[in-house]
C-alpha cells in the first residue's frame, strides 16, 4: 500500500507540474503577425531578406520579441483584391494583423468610397476573429485633386477609430519622395528605405503585439 501511495503521489506531482508548465509553454510560443498588403509589403524589387516582413521580424527579435512575421503581400493588390483573398490567407492562423493596403487604389484612381468599404470589410473580418489590428495609412498625391486626396486620406483614421485599431498614419513616412530610399521607379522603397519604415513603425507594431499577447493569455 505504501508503494502504491508513493507512486500515485509522484504521478500527481508530475501531473501538477505539467499543468503549471503548460500555460508557460503556450505563452512562450512565438506570436504570428500577418503583414497584409501589396507590393510595399511583398517586397517588390527586393530579396526576401530585405522585404518589410523579414526586416520587421529581425528588428522585433532583436528587441527581444518572440514573433514570426508572415509575408501576406501581393504586388498589385487593390483593397478589393486583398478582400477577395483574405479568408484564404487567414488560414495561416495569425495572432494579429498589420494591414497595409490602399496605395494601388489611388494609383488607379479608384473611388475612395469603394476603398473604404473594402477596408471596412477586411477589418470586420479580422475583428470577427478577435485579431488585433494595426492599420497603416496611405496618403493620396495632390495631383489627383484636393477633394480626392482629402476624401481618401480621411479613410484611415476613421476606420482605425471605428475598430479600435493601432494606427500608423502613413506607411511611407520618412521614405516617400526620397530618391536615396527608393528604387528607380520612385515608388517602391529600396532595402534602406524599408529599414527606415521598420524603425519608424516598430513602436506601433510592439503595441499591436502587446494586444495580441494579452488576448492569448
C-alpha atoms as a PDB file:
ATOM      1  CA  UNK A   1       0.000   0.000   0.000  1.00  0.00           C
ATOM      2  CA  UNK A   2       2.831   2.424   0.852  1.00  0.00           C
ATOM      3  CA  UNK A   3       4.479   1.797  -2.541  1.00  0.00           C
ATOM      4  CA  UNK A   4       1.199   2.348  -4.357  1.00  0.00           C
ATOM      5  CA  UNK A   5       0.634   5.598  -2.470  1.00  0.00           C
ATOM      6  CA  UNK A   6       4.161   6.809  -3.224  1.00  0.00           C
ATOM      7  CA  UNK A   7       3.778   6.103  -6.935  1.00  0.00           C
ATOM      8  CA  UNK A   8       0.377   7.757  -7.023  1.00  0.00           C
ATOM      9  CA  UNK A   9       1.693  10.786  -5.161  1.00  0.00           C
ATOM     10  CA  UNK A  10       4.607  11.097  -7.572  1.00  0.00           C
ATOM     11  CA  UNK A  11       2.263  10.849 -10.543  1.00  0.00           C
ATOM     12  CA  UNK A  12       0.065  13.559  -9.082  1.00  0.00           C
ATOM     13  CA  UNK A  13       3.043  15.848  -8.510  1.00  0.00           C
ATOM     14  CA  UNK A  14       4.266  15.334 -12.078  1.00  0.00           C
ATOM     15  CA  UNK A  15       0.795  15.994 -13.436  1.00  0.00           C
ATOM     16  CA  UNK A  16       0.516  19.163 -11.375  1.00  0.00           C
ATOM     17  CA  UNK A  17       3.914  20.312 -12.580  1.00  0.00           C
ATOM     18  CA  UNK A  18       2.864  19.678 -16.165  1.00  0.00           C
ATOM     19  CA  UNK A  19      -0.295  21.684 -15.676  1.00  0.00           C
ATOM     20  CA  UNK A  20       1.725  24.544 -14.231  1.00  0.00           C
ATOM     21  CA  UNK A  21       4.175  24.468 -17.103  1.00  0.00           C
ATOM     22  CA  UNK A  22       1.617  24.196 -19.881  1.00  0.00           C
ATOM     23  CA  UNK A  23       0.423  27.837 -19.822  1.00  0.00           C
ATOM     24  CA  UNK A  24       4.022  28.991 -19.616  1.00  0.00           C
ATOM     25  CA  UNK A  25       4.987  26.920 -22.634  1.00  0.00           C
ATOM     26  CA  UNK A  26       1.956  28.198 -24.532  1.00  0.00           C
ATOM     27  CA  UNK A  27       2.929  31.806 -23.856  1.00  0.00           C
ATOM     28  CA  UNK A  28       6.493  31.100 -24.984  1.00  0.00           C
ATOM     29  CA  UNK A  29       5.331  30.126 -28.481  1.00  0.00           C
ATOM     30  CA  UNK A  30       6.144  32.892 -30.981  1.00  0.00           C
ATOM     31  CA  UNK A  31       3.269  35.162 -31.895  1.00  0.00           C
ATOM     32  CA  UNK A  32       2.350  35.207 -35.579  1.00  0.00           C
ATOM     33  CA  UNK A  33       1.917  38.626 -37.137  1.00  0.00           C
ATOM     34  CA  UNK A  34       0.356  38.765 -40.604  1.00  0.00           C
ATOM     35  CA  UNK A  35       1.707  41.668 -42.675  1.00  0.00           C
ATOM     36  CA  UNK A  36      -1.144  42.020 -45.171  1.00  0.00           C
ATOM     37  CA  UNK A  37      -0.747  44.290 -48.146  1.00  0.00           C
ATOM     38  CA  UNK A  38       0.506  44.902 -51.654  1.00  0.00           C
ATOM     39  CA  UNK A  39       3.959  45.298 -53.241  1.00  0.00           C
ATOM     40  CA  UNK A  40       5.112  47.511 -50.371  1.00  0.00           C
ATOM     41  CA  UNK A  41       4.627  44.509 -48.104  1.00  0.00           C
ATOM     42  CA  UNK A  42       5.567  41.786 -50.578  1.00  0.00           C
ATOM     43  CA  UNK A  43       8.991  43.338 -51.179  1.00  0.00           C
ATOM     44  CA  UNK A  44       8.779  44.254 -54.858  1.00  0.00           C
ATOM     45  CA  UNK A  45      12.265  44.522 -56.364  1.00  0.00           C
ATOM     46  CA  UNK A  46      13.964  43.257 -53.201  1.00  0.00           C
ATOM     47  CA  UNK A  47      15.438  40.000 -51.998  1.00  0.00           C
ATOM     48  CA  UNK A  48      13.358  38.085 -49.429  1.00  0.00           C
ATOM     49  CA  UNK A  49      15.575  39.171 -46.536  1.00  0.00           C
ATOM     50  CA  UNK A  50      15.129  42.861 -47.421  1.00  0.00           C
ATOM     51  CA  UNK A  51      11.330  42.848 -47.655  1.00  0.00           C
ATOM     52  CA  UNK A  52       9.305  44.601 -44.964  1.00  0.00           C
ATOM     53  CA  UNK A  53       8.112  41.416 -43.180  1.00  0.00           C
ATOM     54  CA  UNK A  54      11.644  39.983 -42.937  1.00  0.00           C
ATOM     55  CA  UNK A  55      13.244  43.227 -41.760  1.00  0.00           C
ATOM     56  CA  UNK A  56      10.423  43.780 -39.280  1.00  0.00           C
ATOM     57  CA  UNK A  57      10.763  40.280 -37.863  1.00  0.00           C
ATOM     58  CA  UNK A  58      14.523  40.748 -37.445  1.00  0.00           C
ATOM     59  CA  UNK A  59      14.042  44.080 -35.663  1.00  0.00           C
ATOM     60  CA  UNK A  60      11.396  42.657 -33.340  1.00  0.00           C
ATOM     61  CA  UNK A  61      13.525  39.653 -32.472  1.00  0.00           C
ATOM     62  CA  UNK A  62      16.492  41.952 -31.820  1.00  0.00           C
ATOM     63  CA  UNK A  63      14.210  43.807 -29.387  1.00  0.00           C
ATOM     64  CA  UNK A  64      13.538  40.528 -27.568  1.00  0.00           C
ATOM     65  CA  UNK A  65      10.161  39.777 -29.133  1.00  0.00           C
ATOM     66  CA  UNK A  66       9.284  36.172 -29.933  1.00  0.00           C
ATOM     67  CA  UNK A  67       7.418  36.735 -33.167  1.00  0.00           C
ATOM     68  CA  UNK A  68       7.102  35.357 -36.677  1.00  0.00           C
ATOM     69  CA  UNK A  69       6.057  37.851 -39.357  1.00  0.00           C
ATOM     70  CA  UNK A  70       4.108  36.305 -42.231  1.00  0.00           C
ATOM     71  CA  UNK A  71       4.521  37.976 -45.616  1.00  0.00           C
ATOM     72  CA  UNK A  72       0.934  38.406 -46.782  1.00  0.00           C
ATOM     73  CA  UNK A  73       1.752  40.915 -49.503  1.00  0.00           C
ATOM     74  CA  UNK A  74       0.779  40.505 -53.165  1.00  0.00           C
ATOM     75  CA  UNK A  75       2.143  43.012 -55.664  1.00  0.00           C
ATOM     76  CA  UNK A  76      -0.579  44.935 -57.471  1.00  0.00           C
ATOM     77  CA  UNK A  77      -3.295  44.206 -54.945  1.00  0.00           C
ATOM     78  CA  UNK A  78      -6.036  46.766 -54.517  1.00  0.00           C
ATOM     79  CA  UNK A  79      -8.212  46.729 -51.434  1.00  0.00           C
ATOM     80  CA  UNK A  80     -10.776  44.728 -53.435  1.00  0.00           C
ATOM     81  CA  UNK A  81      -8.189  42.094 -54.346  1.00  0.00           C
ATOM     82  CA  UNK A  82      -6.999  41.972 -50.752  1.00  0.00           C
ATOM     83  CA  UNK A  83     -10.539  41.421 -49.559  1.00  0.00           C
ATOM     84  CA  UNK A  84     -11.077  38.632 -52.093  1.00  0.00           C
ATOM     85  CA  UNK A  85      -8.145  36.574 -50.776  1.00  0.00           C
ATOM     86  CA  UNK A  86      -8.414  37.409 -47.084  1.00  0.00           C
ATOM     87  CA  UNK A  87     -10.229  34.286 -45.889  1.00  0.00           C
ATOM     88  CA  UNK A  88      -7.658  32.065 -47.601  1.00  0.00           C
ATOM     89  CA  UNK A  89      -4.702  33.990 -46.178  1.00  0.00           C
ATOM     90  CA  UNK A  90      -6.126  33.745 -42.661  1.00  0.00           C
ATOM     91  CA  UNK A  91      -5.510  30.004 -42.924  1.00  0.00           C
ATOM     92  CA  UNK A  92      -2.049  30.936 -41.606  1.00  0.00           C
ATOM     93  CA  UNK A  93      -3.785  31.429 -38.221  1.00  0.00           C
ATOM     94  CA  UNK A  94      -2.127  34.725 -37.265  1.00  0.00           C
ATOM     95  CA  UNK A  95      -2.409  36.245 -33.796  1.00  0.00           C
ATOM     96  CA  UNK A  96      -2.639  39.808 -35.155  1.00  0.00           C
ATOM     97  CA  UNK A  97      -2.667  41.694 -38.454  1.00  0.00           C
ATOM     98  CA  UNK A  98      -0.802  44.697 -39.844  1.00  0.00           C
ATOM     99  CA  UNK A  99      -2.999  45.974 -42.685  1.00  0.00           C
ATOM    100  CA  UNK A 100      -1.144  47.898 -45.400  1.00  0.00           C
ATOM    101  CA  UNK A 101      -3.473  48.281 -48.381  1.00  0.00           C
ATOM    102  CA  UNK A 102      -4.714  51.272 -50.346  1.00  0.00           C
ATOM    103  CA  UNK A 103      -1.831  52.541 -52.461  1.00  0.00           C
ATOM    104  CA  UNK A 104      -2.950  50.775 -55.640  1.00  0.00           C
ATOM    105  CA  UNK A 105      -6.450  52.158 -55.214  1.00  0.00           C
ATOM    106  CA  UNK A 106      -5.327  55.763 -55.601  1.00  0.00           C
ATOM    107  CA  UNK A 107      -2.737  54.853 -58.251  1.00  0.00           C
ATOM    108  CA  UNK A 108      -5.673  53.573 -60.316  1.00  0.00           C
ATOM    109  CA  UNK A 109      -7.915  56.472 -59.371  1.00  0.00           C
ATOM    110  CA  UNK A 110     -10.493  54.206 -57.758  1.00  0.00           C
ATOM    111  CA  UNK A 111     -13.430  55.675 -55.863  1.00  0.00           C
ATOM    112  CA  UNK A 112     -12.410  56.282 -52.224  1.00  0.00           C
ATOM    113  CA  UNK A 113     -15.859  55.114 -51.135  1.00  0.00           C
ATOM    114  CA  UNK A 114     -15.070  51.670 -52.533  1.00  0.00           C
ATOM    115  CA  UNK A 115     -11.651  51.719 -50.869  1.00  0.00           C
ATOM    116  CA  UNK A 116     -13.260  52.469 -47.522  1.00  0.00           C
ATOM    117  CA  UNK A 117     -15.915  49.773 -47.959  1.00  0.00           C
ATOM    118  CA  UNK A 118     -13.275  47.160 -48.789  1.00  0.00           C
ATOM    119  CA  UNK A 119     -11.035  48.118 -45.885  1.00  0.00           C
ATOM    120  CA  UNK A 120     -14.003  48.120 -43.515  1.00  0.00           C
ATOM    121  CA  UNK A 121     -14.969  44.618 -44.672  1.00  0.00           C
ATOM    122  CA  UNK A 122     -11.393  43.422 -44.172  1.00  0.00           C
ATOM    123  CA  UNK A 123     -11.166  44.900 -40.705  1.00  0.00           C
ATOM    124  CA  UNK A 124     -14.540  43.424 -39.780  1.00  0.00           C
ATOM    125  CA  UNK A 125     -13.280  40.014 -40.904  1.00  0.00           C
ATOM    126  CA  UNK A 126     -10.231  40.379 -38.668  1.00  0.00           C
ATOM    127  CA  UNK A 127     -12.318  41.709 -35.786  1.00  0.00           C
ATOM    128  CA  UNK A 128     -14.737  38.786 -36.068  1.00  0.00           C
ATOM    129  CA  UNK A 129     -11.743  36.524 -35.480  1.00  0.00           C
ATOM    130  CA  UNK A 130     -10.692  38.630 -32.473  1.00  0.00           C
ATOM    131  CA  UNK A 131      -7.432  39.607 -34.175  1.00  0.00           C
ATOM    132  CA  UNK A 132      -5.848  42.877 -33.022  1.00  0.00           C
ATOM    133  CA  UNK A 133      -5.217  45.170 -35.995  1.00  0.00           C
ATOM    134  CA  UNK A 134      -2.587  47.728 -36.879  1.00  0.00           C
ATOM    135  CA  UNK A 135      -3.833  49.933 -39.720  1.00  0.00           C
ATOM    136  CA  UNK A 136      -1.074  51.599 -41.724  1.00  0.00           C
ATOM    137  CA  UNK A 137      -2.457  54.583 -43.578  1.00  0.00           C
ATOM    138  CA  UNK A 138      -1.673  55.909 -47.026  1.00  0.00           C
ATOM    139  CA  UNK A 139      -1.764  59.465 -48.369  1.00  0.00           C
ATOM    140  CA  UNK A 140      -3.023  60.197 -51.874  1.00  0.00           C
ATOM    141  CA  UNK A 141      -0.924  62.572 -54.017  1.00  0.00           C
ATOM    142  CA  UNK A 142      -2.304  66.051 -54.563  1.00  0.00           C
ATOM    143  CA  UNK A 143      -2.173  65.672 -58.342  1.00  0.00           C
ATOM    144  CA  UNK A 144      -5.366  63.622 -58.066  1.00  0.00           C
ATOM    145  CA  UNK A 145      -7.102  66.751 -56.825  1.00  0.00           C
ATOM    146  CA  UNK A 146      -7.506  68.156 -53.354  1.00  0.00           C
ATOM    147  CA  UNK A 147     -11.003  66.739 -52.900  1.00  0.00           C
ATOM    148  CA  UNK A 148      -9.925  63.228 -53.857  1.00  0.00           C
ATOM    149  CA  UNK A 149      -6.851  63.370 -51.623  1.00  0.00           C
ATOM    150  CA  UNK A 150      -8.789  64.716 -48.643  1.00  0.00           C
ATOM    151  CA  UNK A 151     -11.511  62.086 -49.018  1.00  0.00           C
ATOM    152  CA  UNK A 152      -9.008  59.274 -49.439  1.00  0.00           C
ATOM    153  CA  UNK A 153      -6.716  60.337 -46.599  1.00  0.00           C
ATOM    154  CA  UNK A 154      -9.626  60.554 -44.139  1.00  0.00           C
ATOM    155  CA  UNK A 155     -10.494  56.879 -44.615  1.00  0.00           C
ATOM    156  CA  UNK A 156      -7.713  55.539 -42.428  1.00  0.00           C
ATOM    157  CA  UNK A 157      -8.086  57.478 -39.154  1.00  0.00           C
ATOM    158  CA  UNK A 158     -11.849  56.980 -39.348  1.00  0.00           C
ATOM    159  CA  UNK A 159     -11.567  53.202 -39.695  1.00  0.00           C
ATOM    160  CA  UNK A 160      -8.843  52.975 -37.062  1.00  0.00           C
ATOM    161  CA  UNK A 161     -11.145  54.695 -34.573  1.00  0.00           C
ATOM    162  CA  UNK A 162     -14.125  52.587 -35.619  1.00  0.00           C
ATOM    163  CA  UNK A 163     -12.281  49.304 -34.986  1.00  0.00           C
ATOM    164  CA  UNK A 164     -10.047  50.492 -32.123  1.00  0.00           C
ATOM    165  CA  UNK A 165      -7.015  49.591 -34.229  1.00  0.00           C
ATOM    166  CA  UNK A 166      -3.442  50.616 -33.576  1.00  0.00           C
ATOM    167  CA  UNK A 167      -2.998  53.436 -36.088  1.00  0.00           C
ATOM    168  CA  UNK A 168       0.135  54.368 -38.015  1.00  0.00           C
ATOM    169  CA  UNK A 169      -0.820  57.344 -40.200  1.00  0.00           C
ATOM    170  CA  UNK A 170       1.491  56.887 -43.216  1.00  0.00           C
ATOM    171  CA  UNK A 171       3.358  53.691 -44.046  1.00  0.00           C
ATOM    172  CA  UNK A 172       5.948  55.547 -46.166  1.00  0.00           C
ATOM    173  CA  UNK A 173       6.661  58.269 -43.601  1.00  0.00           C
ATOM    174  CA  UNK A 174      10.260  59.432 -43.953  1.00  0.00           C
ATOM    175  CA  UNK A 175      10.722  57.451 -47.170  1.00  0.00           C
ATOM    176  CA  UNK A 176       8.316  58.777 -49.806  1.00  0.00           C
ATOM    177  CA  UNK A 177       9.897  61.086 -52.404  1.00  0.00           C
ATOM    178  CA  UNK A 178      13.444  60.486 -51.124  1.00  0.00           C
ATOM    179  CA  UNK A 179      15.476  59.147 -54.083  1.00  0.00           C
ATOM    180  CA  UNK A 180      18.098  57.665 -51.745  1.00  0.00           C
ATOM    181  CA  UNK A 181      15.475  55.462 -50.088  1.00  0.00           C
ATOM    182  CA  UNK A 182      13.536  54.348 -53.151  1.00  0.00           C
ATOM    183  CA  UNK A 183      14.084  52.177 -56.172  1.00  0.00           C
ATOM    184  CA  UNK A 184      14.362  53.670 -59.641  1.00  0.00           C
ATOM    185  CA  UNK A 185      10.588  53.843 -60.096  1.00  0.00           C
ATOM    186  CA  UNK A 186      10.374  56.344 -57.250  1.00  0.00           C
ATOM    187  CA  UNK A 187       7.506  54.369 -55.708  1.00  0.00           C
ATOM    188  CA  UNK A 188       8.917  51.268 -54.052  1.00  0.00           C
ATOM    189  CA  UNK A 189      11.391  51.547 -51.173  1.00  0.00           C
ATOM    190  CA  UNK A 190      14.822  50.011 -51.513  1.00  0.00           C
ATOM    191  CA  UNK A 191      16.319  47.965 -48.676  1.00  0.00           C
ATOM    192  CA  UNK A 192      17.475  51.126 -46.878  1.00  0.00           C
ATOM    193  CA  UNK A 193      14.009  52.619 -47.260  1.00  0.00           C
ATOM    194  CA  UNK A 194      12.399  49.531 -45.771  1.00  0.00           C
ATOM    195  CA  UNK A 195      14.801  49.811 -42.835  1.00  0.00           C
ATOM    196  CA  UNK A 196      13.539  53.358 -42.217  1.00  0.00           C
ATOM    197  CA  UNK A 197       9.919  52.157 -42.344  1.00  0.00           C
ATOM    198  CA  UNK A 198      10.709  49.429 -39.837  1.00  0.00           C
ATOM    199  CA  UNK A 199      12.474  51.808 -37.473  1.00  0.00           C
ATOM    200  CA  UNK A 200       9.563  54.243 -37.514  1.00  0.00           C
ATOM    201  CA  UNK A 201       6.705  51.752 -37.299  1.00  0.00           C
ATOM    202  CA  UNK A 202       8.327  49.481 -34.709  1.00  0.00           C
ATOM    203  CA  UNK A 203       6.755  51.100 -31.595  1.00  0.00           C
ATOM    204  CA  UNK A 204       3.287  50.759 -33.143  1.00  0.00           C
ATOM    205  CA  UNK A 205       3.937  47.128 -34.000  1.00  0.00           C
ATOM    206  CA  UNK A 206       5.073  46.448 -30.443  1.00  0.00           C
ATOM    207  CA  UNK A 207       1.789  47.918 -29.183  1.00  0.00           C
ATOM    208  CA  UNK A 208      -0.018  45.546 -31.543  1.00  0.00           C
ATOM    209  CA  UNK A 209       1.961  42.584 -30.229  1.00  0.00           C
ATOM    210  CA  UNK A 210       1.161  43.562 -26.640  1.00  0.00           C
ATOM    211  CA  UNK A 211      -2.529  43.450 -27.509  1.00  0.00           C
ATOM    212  CA  UNK A 212      -2.096  40.063 -29.171  1.00  0.00           C
ATOM    213  CA  UNK A 213      -0.176  38.682 -26.204  1.00  0.00           C
ATOM    214  CA  UNK A 214      -2.882  39.868 -23.793  1.00  0.00           C
ATOM    215  CA  UNK A 215      -5.500  38.133 -25.938  1.00  0.00           C
ATOM    216  CA  UNK A 216      -3.655  34.786 -25.891  1.00  0.00           C
ATOM    217  CA  UNK A 217      -3.089  34.703 -22.112  1.00  0.00           C
END
